[in-house]
Amino acid sequence: ETFTGARVVTKEPRVTILKQGNFNFNTGTMQILRAKNITHFQLLYDRDTNRIAFKPCTKTDEGAYALREVKGIGQLSGTSFLKFCKIPLGEQTRSYPAAWNVEQGMLIIDLG
């Protein structure tokens, strides 16, 4: 089998933390967020479980982060949040499966 060097694209919901600290939401995640008309989030971190939650909110809520969409991919600034929570940015981009928690009404990623 020949490796072509092409990047793997998945439609499974995923959130990527870029090495600069921004969050990217793939097309699978954006389908969920668009269906729920989500435009802003509050960011939460659970140190005990090492999970980040993206809680939908309005733009006037305290700590609201705007979700931007560029070419079907969602983007959210996260550098200050990651530094505040002492989550290392790392030397490379990291991607995590994302799941919508129906009971809590939030998108959650597990950092492992």
C-alpha atoms as a PDB file:
ATOM      1  CA  GLU A   1       0.000   0.000   0.000  1.00  0.00           C
ATOM      2  CA  THR A   2       1.430   3.365  -0.989  1.00  0.00           C
ATOM      3  CA  PHE A   3       1.209   6.305   1.371  1.00  0.00           C
ATOM      4  CA  THR A   4       0.081   9.318  -0.616  1.00  0.00           C
ATOM      5  CA  GLY A   5       0.744  11.921   2.056  1.00  0.00           C
ATOM      6  CA  ALA A   6      -2.874  13.042   1.882  1.00  0.00           C
ATOM      7  CA  ARG A   7      -4.424  14.024   5.149  1.00  0.00           C
ATOM      8  CA  VAL A   8      -7.233  11.852   6.465  1.00  0.00           C
ATOM      9  CA  VAL A   9     -10.634  13.541   6.527  1.00  0.00           C
ATOM     10  CA  THR A  10     -13.349  12.181   8.802  1.00  0.00           C
ATOM     11  CA  LYS A  11     -16.971  13.178   9.228  1.00  0.00           C
ATOM     12  CA  GLU A  12     -17.055  11.751  12.733  1.00  0.00           C
ATOM     13  CA  PRO A  13     -17.400  14.685  15.159  1.00  0.00           C
ATOM     14  CA  ARG A  14     -13.947  15.868  16.240  1.00  0.00           C
ATOM     15  CA  VAL A  15     -12.440  18.928  17.878  1.00  0.00           C
ATOM     16  CA  THR A  16      -8.843  19.804  17.136  1.00  0.00           C
ATOM     17  CA  ILE A  17      -6.647  21.896  19.410  1.00  0.00           C
ATOM     18  CA  LEU A  18      -4.153  23.703  17.228  1.00  0.00           C
ATOM     19  CA  LYS A  19      -0.645  24.216  18.582  1.00  0.00           C
ATOM     20  CA  GLN A  20      -1.394  27.964  18.838  1.00  0.00           C
ATOM     21  CA  GLY A  21      -4.319  27.156  21.151  1.00  0.00           C
ATOM     22  CA  ASN A  22      -7.361  27.627  18.913  1.00  0.00           C
ATOM     23  CA  PHE A  23     -10.119  25.037  18.611  1.00  0.00           C
ATOM     24  CA  ASN A  24     -11.250  23.735  15.216  1.00  0.00           C
ATOM     25  CA  PHE A  25     -14.546  21.874  14.793  1.00  0.00           C
ATOM     26  CA  ASN A  26     -14.701  19.492  11.827  1.00  0.00           C
ATOM     27  CA  THR A  27     -17.668  19.188   9.464  1.00  0.00           C
ATOM     28  CA  GLY A  28     -19.225  16.383  11.530  1.00  0.00           C
ATOM     29  CA  THR A  29     -19.182  18.565  14.628  1.00  0.00           C
ATOM     30  CA  MET A  30     -20.447  21.580  12.696  1.00  0.00           C
ATOM     31  CA  GLN A  31     -23.460  19.573  11.476  1.00  0.00           C
ATOM     32  CA  ILE A  32     -24.457  19.050  15.115  1.00  0.00           C
ATOM     33  CA  LEU A  33     -23.870  22.697  16.040  1.00  0.00           C
ATOM     34  CA  ARG A  34     -25.696  24.085  12.995  1.00  0.00           C
ATOM     35  CA  ALA A  35     -28.708  21.848  13.697  1.00  0.00           C
ATOM     36  CA  LYS A  36     -28.850  23.373  17.180  1.00  0.00           C
ATOM     37  CA  ASN A  37     -28.264  26.962  15.920  1.00  0.00           C
ATOM     38  CA  ILE A  38     -25.243  27.367  18.202  1.00  0.00           C
ATOM     39  CA  THR A  39     -23.166  30.512  17.652  1.00  0.00           C
ATOM     40  CA  HIS A  40     -21.485  31.055  21.037  1.00  0.00           C
ATOM     41  CA  PHE A  41     -19.990  28.919  23.803  1.00  0.00           C
ATOM     42  CA  GLN A  42     -18.824  29.171  27.365  1.00  0.00           C
ATOM     43  CA  LEU A  43     -15.744  27.001  27.897  1.00  0.00           C
ATOM     44  CA  LEU A  44     -15.573  24.687  30.903  1.00  0.00           C
ATOM     45  CA  TYR A  45     -12.834  22.377  32.133  1.00  0.00           C
ATOM     46  CA  ASP A  46     -13.149  19.433  34.525  1.00  0.00           C
ATOM     47  CA  ARG A  47      -9.713  18.796  36.019  1.00  0.00           C
ATOM     48  CA  ASP A  48     -10.794  15.493  37.582  1.00  0.00           C
ATOM     49  CA  THR A  49     -11.865  13.920  34.286  1.00  0.00           C
ATOM     50  CA  ASN A  50      -9.574  16.031  32.046  1.00  0.00           C
ATOM     51  CA  ARG A  51     -12.497  17.002  29.827  1.00  0.00           C
ATOM     52  CA  ILE A  52     -13.352  20.242  28.071  1.00  0.00           C
ATOM     53  CA  ALA A  53     -17.001  21.186  27.599  1.00  0.00           C
ATOM     54  CA  PHE A  54     -18.373  23.687  25.121  1.00  0.00           C
ATOM     55  CA  LYS A  55     -21.599  24.996  26.653  1.00  0.00           C
ATOM     56  CA  PRO A  56     -23.918  26.851  24.249  1.00  0.00           C
ATOM     57  CA  CYS A  57     -24.788  30.381  25.319  1.00  0.00           C
ATOM     58  CA  THR A  58     -25.759  33.763  23.908  1.00  0.00           C
ATOM     59  CA  LYS A  59     -23.237  36.398  22.877  1.00  0.00           C
ATOM     60  CA  THR A  60     -24.198  38.514  25.907  1.00  0.00           C
ATOM     61  CA  ASP A  61     -23.471  35.756  28.460  1.00  0.00           C
ATOM     62  CA  GLU A  62     -20.372  36.189  30.585  1.00  0.00           C
ATOM     63  CA  GLY A  63     -17.362  34.446  29.069  1.00  0.00           C
ATOM     64  CA  ALA A  64     -19.057  33.898  25.696  1.00  0.00           C
ATOM     65  CA  TYR A  65     -16.771  32.848  22.844  1.00  0.00           C
ATOM     66  CA  ALA A  66     -18.001  33.338  19.277  1.00  0.00           C
ATOM     67  CA  LEU A  67     -17.978  30.334  16.962  1.00  0.00           C
ATOM     68  CA  ARG A  68     -16.734  31.339  13.515  1.00  0.00           C
ATOM     69  CA  GLU A  69     -17.315  29.217  10.439  1.00  0.00           C
ATOM     70  CA  VAL A  70     -14.881  29.214   7.531  1.00  0.00           C
ATOM     71  CA  LYS A  71     -15.411  26.807   4.613  1.00  0.00           C
ATOM     72  CA  GLY A  72     -17.516  24.447   6.735  1.00  0.00           C
ATOM     73  CA  ILE A  73     -15.010  24.277   9.599  1.00  0.00           C
ATOM     74  CA  GLY A  74     -15.766  25.914  12.953  1.00  0.00           C
ATOM     75  CA  GLN A  75     -13.135  27.958  14.755  1.00  0.00           C
ATOM     76  CA  LEU A  76     -12.985  29.215  18.313  1.00  0.00           C
ATOM     77  CA  SER A  77     -10.240  31.125  20.077  1.00  0.00           C
ATOM     78  CA  GLY A  78      -9.018  29.078  23.038  1.00  0.00           C
ATOM     79  CA  THR A  79      -5.499  30.221  23.921  1.00  0.00           C
ATOM     80  CA  SER A  80      -6.443  32.201  27.048  1.00  0.00           C
ATOM     81  CA  PHE A  81      -8.745  29.418  28.255  1.00  0.00           C
ATOM     82  CA  LEU A  82      -6.090  26.717  27.797  1.00  0.00           C
ATOM     83  CA  LYS A  83      -3.460  28.807  29.580  1.00  0.00           C
ATOM     84  CA  PHE A  84      -5.868  29.594  32.441  1.00  0.00           C
ATOM     85  CA  CYS A  85      -6.633  25.870  32.860  1.00  0.00           C
ATOM     86  CA  LYS A  86      -2.910  25.010  32.548  1.00  0.00           C
ATOM     87  CA  ILE A  87      -3.584  22.733  29.578  1.00  0.00           C
ATOM     88  CA  PRO A  88      -0.299  22.586  27.638  1.00  0.00           C
ATOM     89  CA  LEU A  89      -0.479  23.803  24.053  1.00  0.00           C
ATOM     90  CA  GLY A  90       2.099  21.287  22.871  1.00  0.00           C
ATOM     91  CA  GLU A  91       4.323  21.242  19.836  1.00  0.00           C
ATOM     92  CA  GLN A  92       1.733  19.776  17.491  1.00  0.00           C
ATOM     93  CA  THR A  93      -1.948  19.858  16.689  1.00  0.00           C
ATOM     94  CA  ARG A  94      -4.096  17.336  18.597  1.00  0.00           C
ATOM     95  CA  SER A  95      -7.504  15.998  17.572  1.00  0.00           C
ATOM     96  CA  TYR A  96     -10.138  14.501  19.891  1.00  0.00           C
ATOM     97  CA  PRO A  97     -13.475  12.755  19.345  1.00  0.00           C
ATOM     98  CA  ALA A  98     -16.362  15.060  20.252  1.00  0.00           C
ATOM     99  CA  ALA A  99     -19.688  13.982  21.714  1.00  0.00           C
ATOM    100  CA  TRP A 100     -22.883  15.901  22.332  1.00  0.00           C
ATOM    101  CA  ASN A 101     -24.056  15.254  25.909  1.00  0.00           C
ATOM    102  CA  VAL A 102     -27.851  15.338  25.679  1.00  0.00           C
ATOM    103  CA  GLU A 103     -28.429  15.521  29.452  1.00  0.00           C
ATOM    104  CA  GLN A 104     -26.042  18.439  29.968  1.00  0.00           C
ATOM    105  CA  GLY A 105     -26.646  20.091  26.597  1.00  0.00           C
ATOM    106  CA  MET A 106     -22.929  20.482  25.887  1.00  0.00           C
ATOM    107  CA  LEU A 107     -20.295  19.312  23.438  1.00  0.00           C
ATOM    108  CA  ILE A 108     -17.540  17.426  25.291  1.00  0.00           C
ATOM    109  CA  ILE A 109     -14.029  16.283  24.425  1.00  0.00           C
ATOM    110  CA  ASP A 110     -11.918  13.994  26.598  1.00  0.00           C
ATOM    111  CA  LEU A 111      -8.242  14.952  26.662  1.00  0.00           C
ATOM    112  CA  GLY A 112      -7.366  11.520  28.036  1.00  0.00           C
END
